[in-house]
Every structure is written in structure tokens, then in C-alpha cells.
C-alpha atoms as a PDB file:
ATOM      1  CA  MET A   1      54.971  12.427 -63.768  1.00  0.00           C
ATOM      2  CA  PRO A   2      57.680  10.965 -61.468  1.00  0.00           C
ATOM      3  CA  THR A   3      57.162   7.477 -60.079  1.00  0.00           C
ATOM      4  CA  ALA A   4      56.132   6.911 -56.491  1.00  0.00           C
ATOM      5  CA  ALA A   5      59.657   5.711 -55.705  1.00  0.00           C
ATOM      6  CA  ALA A   6      61.248   8.823 -57.205  1.00  0.00           C
ATOM      7  CA  GLN A   7      58.937  11.091 -55.228  1.00  0.00           C
ATOM      8  CA  LEU A   8      59.691   9.284 -51.980  1.00  0.00           C
ATOM      9  CA  GLU A   9      63.457   9.378 -52.436  1.00  0.00           C
ATOM     10  CA  LYS A  10      63.313  13.145 -51.995  1.00  0.00           C
ATOM     11  CA  PRO A  11      64.693  13.432 -48.457  1.00  0.00           C
ATOM     12  CA  ARG A  12      63.103  15.606 -45.817  1.00  0.00           C
ATOM     13  CA  ARG A  13      65.779  18.196 -45.048  1.00  0.00           C
ATOM     14  CA  ASP A  14      64.229  20.338 -42.332  1.00  0.00           C
ATOM     15  CA  SER A  15      67.276  19.699 -40.096  1.00  0.00           C
ATOM     16  CA  ARG A  16      70.376  17.563 -39.743  1.00  0.00           C
ATOM     17  CA  LEU A  17      68.053  14.759 -38.707  1.00  0.00           C
ATOM     18  CA  GLY A  18      67.399  13.972 -42.378  1.00  0.00           C
ATOM     19  CA  LEU A  19      71.145  13.658 -43.001  1.00  0.00           C
ATOM     20  CA  VAL A  20      71.511  11.325 -40.027  1.00  0.00           C
ATOM     21  CA  LEU A  21      68.623   9.098 -41.126  1.00  0.00           C
ATOM     22  CA  ASP A  22      69.932   8.928 -44.698  1.00  0.00           C
ATOM     23  CA  ALA A  23      73.434   8.014 -43.507  1.00  0.00           C
ATOM     24  CA  ALA A  24      72.054   5.418 -41.110  1.00  0.00           C
ATOM     25  CA  ALA A  25      69.835   3.886 -43.794  1.00  0.00           C
ATOM     26  CA  ARG A  26      72.862   3.504 -46.103  1.00  0.00           C
ATOM     27  CA  ARG A  27      74.955   1.853 -43.363  1.00  0.00           C
ATOM     28  CA  PHE A  28      72.184  -0.414 -42.103  1.00  0.00           C
ATOM     29  CA  ARG A  29      71.421  -1.509 -45.657  1.00  0.00           C
ATOM     30  CA  ALA A  30      75.059  -2.287 -46.411  1.00  0.00           C
ATOM     31  CA  GLN A  31      76.175  -3.689 -43.061  1.00  0.00           C
ATOM     32  CA  GLY A  32      73.070  -4.641 -41.138  1.00  0.00           C
ATOM     33  CA  PHE A  33      72.272  -3.538 -37.610  1.00  0.00           C
ATOM     34  CA  ASP A  34      75.212  -5.307 -35.978  1.00  0.00           C
ATOM     35  CA  GLY A  35      77.774  -4.265 -38.583  1.00  0.00           C
ATOM     36  CA  ALA A  36      77.004  -0.542 -38.671  1.00  0.00           C
ATOM     37  CA  SER A  37      78.564   1.683 -36.018  1.00  0.00           C
ATOM     38  CA  MET A  38      77.355   4.983 -34.643  1.00  0.00           C
ATOM     39  CA  ARG A  39      80.812   6.481 -35.339  1.00  0.00           C
ATOM     40  CA  GLU A  40      80.588   5.540 -39.037  1.00  0.00           C
ATOM     41  CA  ILE A  41      77.041   6.849 -39.326  1.00  0.00           C
ATOM     42  CA  ALA A  42      78.029  10.129 -37.684  1.00  0.00           C
ATOM     43  CA  GLY A  43      81.006  10.484 -40.039  1.00  0.00           C
ATOM     44  CA  ASP A  44      78.794   9.821 -43.059  1.00  0.00           C
ATOM     45  CA  ALA A  45      76.403  12.521 -41.823  1.00  0.00           C
ATOM     46  CA  GLY A  46      79.286  14.993 -41.401  1.00  0.00           C
ATOM     47  CA  MET A  47      79.208  15.191 -37.622  1.00  0.00           C
ATOM     48  CA  LYS A  48      81.141  13.961 -34.608  1.00  0.00           C
ATOM     49  CA  ALA A  49      80.045  10.697 -33.043  1.00  0.00           C
ATOM     50  CA  GLY A  50      78.965  12.396 -29.824  1.00  0.00           C
ATOM     51  CA  SER A  51      76.691  14.768 -31.727  1.00  0.00           C
ATOM     52  CA  LEU A  52      74.680  11.809 -33.008  1.00  0.00           C
ATOM     53  CA  TYR A  53      73.502  11.114 -29.477  1.00  0.00           C
ATOM     54  CA  TYR A  54      71.807  14.522 -29.438  1.00  0.00           C
ATOM     55  CA  HIS A  55      69.274  13.022 -31.863  1.00  0.00           C
ATOM     56  CA  PHE A  56      69.225   9.367 -30.722  1.00  0.00           C
ATOM     57  CA  GLU A  57      70.072   7.801 -27.387  1.00  0.00           C
ATOM     58  CA  SER A  58      71.218   4.536 -28.955  1.00  0.00           C
ATOM     59  CA  LYS A  59      71.794   2.673 -32.176  1.00  0.00           C
ATOM     60  CA  THR A  60      68.576   0.800 -31.449  1.00  0.00           C
ATOM     61  CA  ASP A  61      66.609   4.071 -31.392  1.00  0.00           C
ATOM     62  CA  LEU A  62      68.257   5.128 -34.657  1.00  0.00           C
ATOM     63  CA  PHE A  63      67.461   1.797 -36.315  1.00  0.00           C
ATOM     64  CA  ILE A  64      63.808   2.087 -35.285  1.00  0.00           C
ATOM     65  CA  ALA A  65      63.716   5.648 -36.670  1.00  0.00           C
ATOM     66  CA  VAL A  66      65.107   4.443 -40.018  1.00  0.00           C
ATOM     67  CA  HIS A  67      62.438   1.741 -40.111  1.00  0.00           C
ATOM     68  CA  ASP A  68      59.769   4.284 -39.269  1.00  0.00           C
ATOM     69  CA  GLU A  69      60.914   6.574 -42.097  1.00  0.00           C
ATOM     70  CA  GLY A  70      61.096   3.668 -44.545  1.00  0.00           C
ATOM     71  CA  ILE A  71      57.585   2.546 -43.679  1.00  0.00           C
ATOM     72  CA  ARG A  72      56.345   6.143 -43.920  1.00  0.00           C
ATOM     73  CA  ARG A  73      57.696   6.352 -47.475  1.00  0.00           C
ATOM     74  CA  ILE A  74      56.198   3.049 -48.598  1.00  0.00           C
ATOM     75  CA  SER A  75      52.878   3.816 -46.880  1.00  0.00           C
ATOM     76  CA  SER A  76      52.677   7.193 -48.582  1.00  0.00           C
ATOM     77  CA  ALA A  77      53.236   5.626 -52.017  1.00  0.00           C
ATOM     78  CA  VAL A  78      50.603   2.953 -51.413  1.00  0.00           C
ATOM     79  CA  GLU A  79      48.017   5.356 -50.010  1.00  0.00           C
ATOM     80  CA  ASN A  80      48.487   7.713 -52.973  1.00  0.00           C
ATOM     81  CA  ALA A  81      48.090   4.791 -55.394  1.00  0.00           C
ATOM     82  CA  ILE A  82      44.791   3.566 -53.970  1.00  0.00           C
ATOM     83  CA  GLU A  83      42.979   6.818 -53.247  1.00  0.00           C
ATOM     84  CA  THR A  84      41.178   7.155 -56.595  1.00  0.00           C
ATOM     85  CA  ALA A  85      40.551   3.482 -57.476  1.00  0.00           C
ATOM     86  CA  PRO A  86      36.938   2.512 -56.660  1.00  0.00           C
ATOM     87  CA  ASP A  87      37.180  -1.222 -57.493  1.00  0.00           C
ATOM     88  CA  PRO A  88      38.584  -3.340 -54.621  1.00  0.00           C
ATOM     89  CA  TRP A  89      40.653  -5.530 -56.959  1.00  0.00           C
ATOM     90  CA  GLN A  90      42.096  -2.460 -58.678  1.00  0.00           C
ATOM     91  CA  ARG A  91      42.895  -0.906 -55.306  1.00  0.00           C
ATOM     92  CA  LEU A  92      44.833  -4.012 -54.287  1.00  0.00           C
ATOM     93  CA  GLU A  93      46.674  -4.123 -57.610  1.00  0.00           C
ATOM     94  CA  ASN A  94      47.576  -0.430 -57.298  1.00  0.00           C
ATOM     95  CA  ALA A  95      48.821  -0.991 -53.761  1.00  0.00           C
ATOM     96  CA  MET A  96      50.938  -3.951 -54.844  1.00  0.00           C
ATOM     97  CA  ALA A  97      52.408  -1.975 -57.753  1.00  0.00           C
ATOM     98  CA  ALA A  98      53.258   1.006 -55.525  1.00  0.00           C
ATOM     99  CA  HIS A  99      54.846  -1.261 -52.913  1.00  0.00           C
ATOM    100  CA  LEU A 100      56.972  -2.897 -55.611  1.00  0.00           C
ATOM    101  CA  ASP A 101      57.814   0.441 -57.198  1.00  0.00           C
ATOM    102  CA  VAL A 102      59.390   1.642 -53.944  1.00  0.00           C
ATOM    103  CA  LEU A 103      61.127  -1.660 -53.140  1.00  0.00           C
ATOM    104  CA  LEU A 104      62.551  -2.226 -56.605  1.00  0.00           C
ATOM    105  CA  ALA A 105      63.846   1.330 -56.951  1.00  0.00           C
ATOM    106  CA  GLY A 106      66.674   0.164 -54.692  1.00  0.00           C
ATOM    107  CA  GLY A 107      66.380   2.838 -52.027  1.00  0.00           C
ATOM    108  CA  ASP A 108      68.219   2.355 -48.751  1.00  0.00           C
ATOM    109  CA  TYR A 109      65.162   2.768 -46.527  1.00  0.00           C
ATOM    110  CA  ALA A 110      63.072   0.189 -48.340  1.00  0.00           C
ATOM    111  CA  ARG A 111      65.896  -2.344 -48.300  1.00  0.00           C
ATOM    112  CA  VAL A 112      66.380  -1.874 -44.551  1.00  0.00           C
ATOM    113  CA  VAL A 113      62.663  -2.368 -43.925  1.00  0.00           C
ATOM    114  CA  ILE A 114      62.467  -5.710 -45.748  1.00  0.00           C
ATOM    115  CA  ARG A 115      65.602  -7.184 -44.178  1.00  0.00           C
ATOM    116  CA  GLU A 116      65.154  -9.856 -41.563  1.00  0.00           C
ATOM    117  CA  LEU A 117      64.665  -8.271 -38.160  1.00  0.00           C
ATOM    118  CA  PRO A 118      67.735  -8.349 -35.887  1.00  0.00           C
ATOM    119  CA  ALA A 119      67.693 -11.030 -33.211  1.00  0.00           C
ATOM    120  CA  GLY A 120      68.726 -10.661 -29.600  1.00  0.00           C
ATOM    121  CA  ASN A 121      66.847  -7.468 -28.730  1.00  0.00           C
ATOM    122  CA  PRO A 122      63.203  -8.312 -27.956  1.00  0.00           C
ATOM    123  CA  ASP A 123      62.199  -4.694 -27.219  1.00  0.00           C
ATOM    124  CA  MET A 124      63.547  -3.444 -30.537  1.00  0.00           C
ATOM    125  CA  ARG A 125      61.983  -6.373 -32.357  1.00  0.00           C
ATOM    126  CA  ASP A 126      58.594  -5.622 -30.759  1.00  0.00           C
ATOM    127  CA  ASN A 127      58.840  -1.990 -31.900  1.00  0.00           C
ATOM    128  CA  LEU A 128      59.754  -3.027 -35.452  1.00  0.00           C
ATOM    129  CA  VAL A 129      56.922  -5.559 -35.607  1.00  0.00           C
ATOM    130  CA  ARG A 130      54.480  -2.828 -34.490  1.00  0.00           C
ATOM    131  CA  LEU A 131      55.722  -0.582 -37.315  1.00  0.00           C
ATOM    132  CA  ARG A 132      55.403  -3.414 -39.835  1.00  0.00           C
ATOM    133  CA  ASP A 133      51.931  -4.318 -38.594  1.00  0.00           C
ATOM    134  CA  ARG A 134      50.843  -0.682 -38.897  1.00  0.00           C
ATOM    135  CA  TYR A 135      51.867  -0.702 -42.552  1.00  0.00           C
ATOM    136  CA  GLU A 136      50.366  -4.118 -43.275  1.00  0.00           C
ATOM    137  CA  SER A 137      47.045  -2.905 -41.877  1.00  0.00           C
ATOM    138  CA  ILE A 138      46.647  -1.034 -45.185  1.00  0.00           C
ATOM    139  CA  PHE A 139      46.728  -4.385 -46.987  1.00  0.00           C
ATOM    140  CA  ARG A 140      44.456  -5.937 -44.366  1.00  0.00           C
ATOM    141  CA  VAL A 141      41.772  -3.370 -45.161  1.00  0.00           C
ATOM    142  CA  LEU A 142      42.244  -3.843 -48.921  1.00  0.00           C
ATOM    143  CA  ILE A 143      42.025  -7.626 -48.711  1.00  0.00           C
ATOM    144  CA  ASP A 144      39.061  -7.535 -46.331  1.00  0.00           C
ATOM    145  CA  ALA A 145      37.197  -5.477 -48.967  1.00  0.00           C
ATOM    146  CA  LEU A 146      37.646  -8.083 -51.732  1.00  0.00           C
ATOM    147  CA  PRO A 147      34.443  -9.747 -52.951  1.00  0.00           C
ATOM    148  CA  VAL A 148      35.475 -13.336 -52.197  1.00  0.00           C
ATOM    149  CA  ASP A 149      33.611 -16.128 -50.487  1.00  0.00           C
ATOM    150  CA  GLY A 150      34.102 -17.217 -46.919  1.00  0.00           C
ATOM    151  CA  ALA A 151      36.307 -20.163 -47.873  1.00  0.00           C
ATOM    152  CA  THR A 152      39.170 -17.802 -48.573  1.00  0.00           C
ATOM    153  CA  THR A 153      41.341 -17.158 -45.528  1.00  0.00           C
ATOM    154  CA  ARG A 154      42.053 -13.468 -45.799  1.00  0.00           C
ATOM    155  CA  ARG A 155      44.890 -13.517 -43.264  1.00  0.00           C
ATOM    156  CA  GLN A 156      46.731 -16.176 -45.255  1.00  0.00           C
ATOM    157  CA  LEU A 157      46.041 -14.288 -48.474  1.00  0.00           C
ATOM    158  CA  ARG A 158      47.551 -11.138 -46.943  1.00  0.00           C
ATOM    159  CA  MET A 159      50.632 -13.016 -45.746  1.00  0.00           C
ATOM    160  CA  MET A 160      51.050 -14.588 -49.177  1.00  0.00           C
ATOM    161  CA  VAL A 161      50.763 -11.196 -50.907  1.00  0.00           C
ATOM    162  CA  MET A 162      53.233  -9.522 -48.554  1.00  0.00           C
ATOM    163  CA  GLY A 163      55.664 -12.424 -48.809  1.00  0.00           C
ATOM    164  CA  ALA A 164      55.564 -12.424 -52.601  1.00  0.00           C
ATOM    165  CA  LEU A 165      56.035  -8.665 -52.788  1.00  0.00           C
ATOM    166  CA  ASN A 166      58.906  -8.552 -50.306  1.00  0.00           C
ATOM    167  CA  TRP A 167      60.714 -11.478 -51.941  1.00  0.00           C
ATOM    168  CA  THR A 168      60.643  -9.833 -55.377  1.00  0.00           C
ATOM    169  CA  PRO A 169      63.930  -7.863 -54.946  1.00  0.00           C
ATOM    170  CA  THR A 170      65.819 -11.171 -54.689  1.00  0.00           C
ATOM    171  CA  TRP A 171      64.977 -12.183 -58.265  1.00  0.00           C
ATOM    172  CA  TYR A 172      63.993  -8.918 -59.955  1.00  0.00           C
ATOM    173  CA  ARG A 173      66.000  -7.713 -62.978  1.00  0.00           C
ATOM    174  CA  PRO A 174      65.620  -4.069 -64.088  1.00  0.00           C
ATOM    175  CA  ASN A 175      65.373  -5.072 -67.756  1.00  0.00           C
ATOM    176  CA  GLY A 176      62.468  -7.439 -67.046  1.00  0.00           C
ATOM    177  CA  ASP A 177      58.853  -6.779 -66.102  1.00  0.00           C
ATOM    178  CA  THR A 178      57.951  -3.433 -64.546  1.00  0.00           C
ATOM    179  CA  PRO A 179      56.637  -3.280 -60.964  1.00  0.00           C
ATOM    180  CA  ALA A 180      53.132  -2.666 -62.377  1.00  0.00           C
ATOM    181  CA  GLU A 181      53.394  -5.719 -64.662  1.00  0.00           C
ATOM    182  CA  ILE A 182      54.582  -7.880 -61.773  1.00  0.00           C
ATOM    183  CA  ALA A 183      51.685  -6.684 -59.607  1.00  0.00           C
ATOM    184  CA  THR A 184      49.214  -7.433 -62.401  1.00  0.00           C
ATOM    185  CA  GLY A 185      50.647 -10.927 -62.849  1.00  0.00           C
ATOM    186  CA  PHE A 186      50.537 -11.653 -59.122  1.00  0.00           C
ATOM    187  CA  LEU A 187      46.945 -10.477 -58.888  1.00  0.00           C
ATOM    188  CA  GLN A 188      45.876 -12.557 -61.889  1.00  0.00           C
ATOM    189  CA  LEU A 189      47.322 -15.661 -60.225  1.00  0.00           C
ATOM    190  CA  ILE A 190      45.519 -14.849 -56.989  1.00  0.00           C
ATOM    191  CA  ARG A 191      42.177 -14.250 -58.685  1.00  0.00           C
ATOM    192  CA  LYS A 192      42.496 -17.405 -60.784  1.00  0.00           C
ATOM    193  CA  GLY A 193      43.174 -19.465 -57.655  1.00  0.00           C
ATOM    194  CA  ILE A 194      40.272 -17.922 -55.771  1.00  0.00           C
ATOM    195  CA  ASP A 195      37.848 -18.310 -58.676  1.00  0.00           C
ATOM    196  CA  GLN A 196      38.617 -22.032 -58.893  1.00  0.00           C
ATOM    197  CA  THR A 197      37.917 -22.753 -55.223  1.00  0.00           C
END
């Protein structure tokens, strides 16, 4: 059975829009928002620069669409991973493993999503934060369902989990632990810390 990351890297090709999003994700990953140009993205997608504006009014709109697609892919992997696990701890571990599976596969969309948000455009930033918050609400529900006492601050636990997961690509080596093993290790550390409080 293919991994969650492999399944999600299958692009949606119902129109040229998929080609545009893929090209934009590659450019934004490699060059960031400021470094990528609409002309380069259009060329990578096999179209003239003016044709790109048929799909998106601005580079900002295109960047938000790439984020939306990246979050859709990660969300789909996580939701598939948790749907059959009845135990709340197992559900969280499955979600963490699926999140890592997508991130560590090295796909362009995932790498764009975890980059630091561009500064200088408050409206775009607000849109990107809304997309991120929508995804993180999955983890909010999972963490709220954990059987822990009231001394545990669930919001801080969620931020710690998301931070640890999203930082993993900076130190991960493909010949080391698998995403599932990393998720298991993270969860064991969390449970040990909670049990000792």
C-alpha cells in the first residue's frame, strides 16, 4: 500500500490549474514568495505570462492557492490516518506520523506550507494564518480528547506538537528513523512528561 505522502503527490489534473499550482509550488519552495516571478511560473507551466492571470489575479492569490492545496494534502493524509483508531493517544500518534510522512517526503507543497510566512502583506498573512488554523483545528480536537488532567495546558501542548513536527525537516535524515518511529518517540516523551506532573 502506498504511503500517505505518495498518494498525495498524485496531482489533480482536471485542467491546466493543476500544472500552474505545481509549477508555483516548485518556484515558491525554491525561491520563496519574493523571489518567484509570475513569468517564471507561467513558463514552467508551459504557458504565456498573461495566461496565468486568467487563473489568478495576482501572485498573492496564487501563493494562497498553493498553501490551500498543500494544507488540503496534509489534512487528507491526517484525516485518513485517524479515522479507524479508537484510542485518543493512538489517534494523535497516527496524525503525527501522517503529518511527518507528508512533510518528510520532500514535496513542494508541504515545504511551502511550513516556510515562514512572508512579511509585508497583512491581508495575505491573515489568509494564510486562517488556512493554517483550519488545519491545526484537527490537532486541537485530537489533543482536547486526550485523557489528561486539568493541569495540562492543551493549547501549549498543541503548539509544542506542531512546532516539533514542523521543525523535523531541518534535522531529518532519510536513512534514520521513519516518520512513524519519530511520531512514536515524540508521543512517548509527551506522555512521560504528562504522567510525571
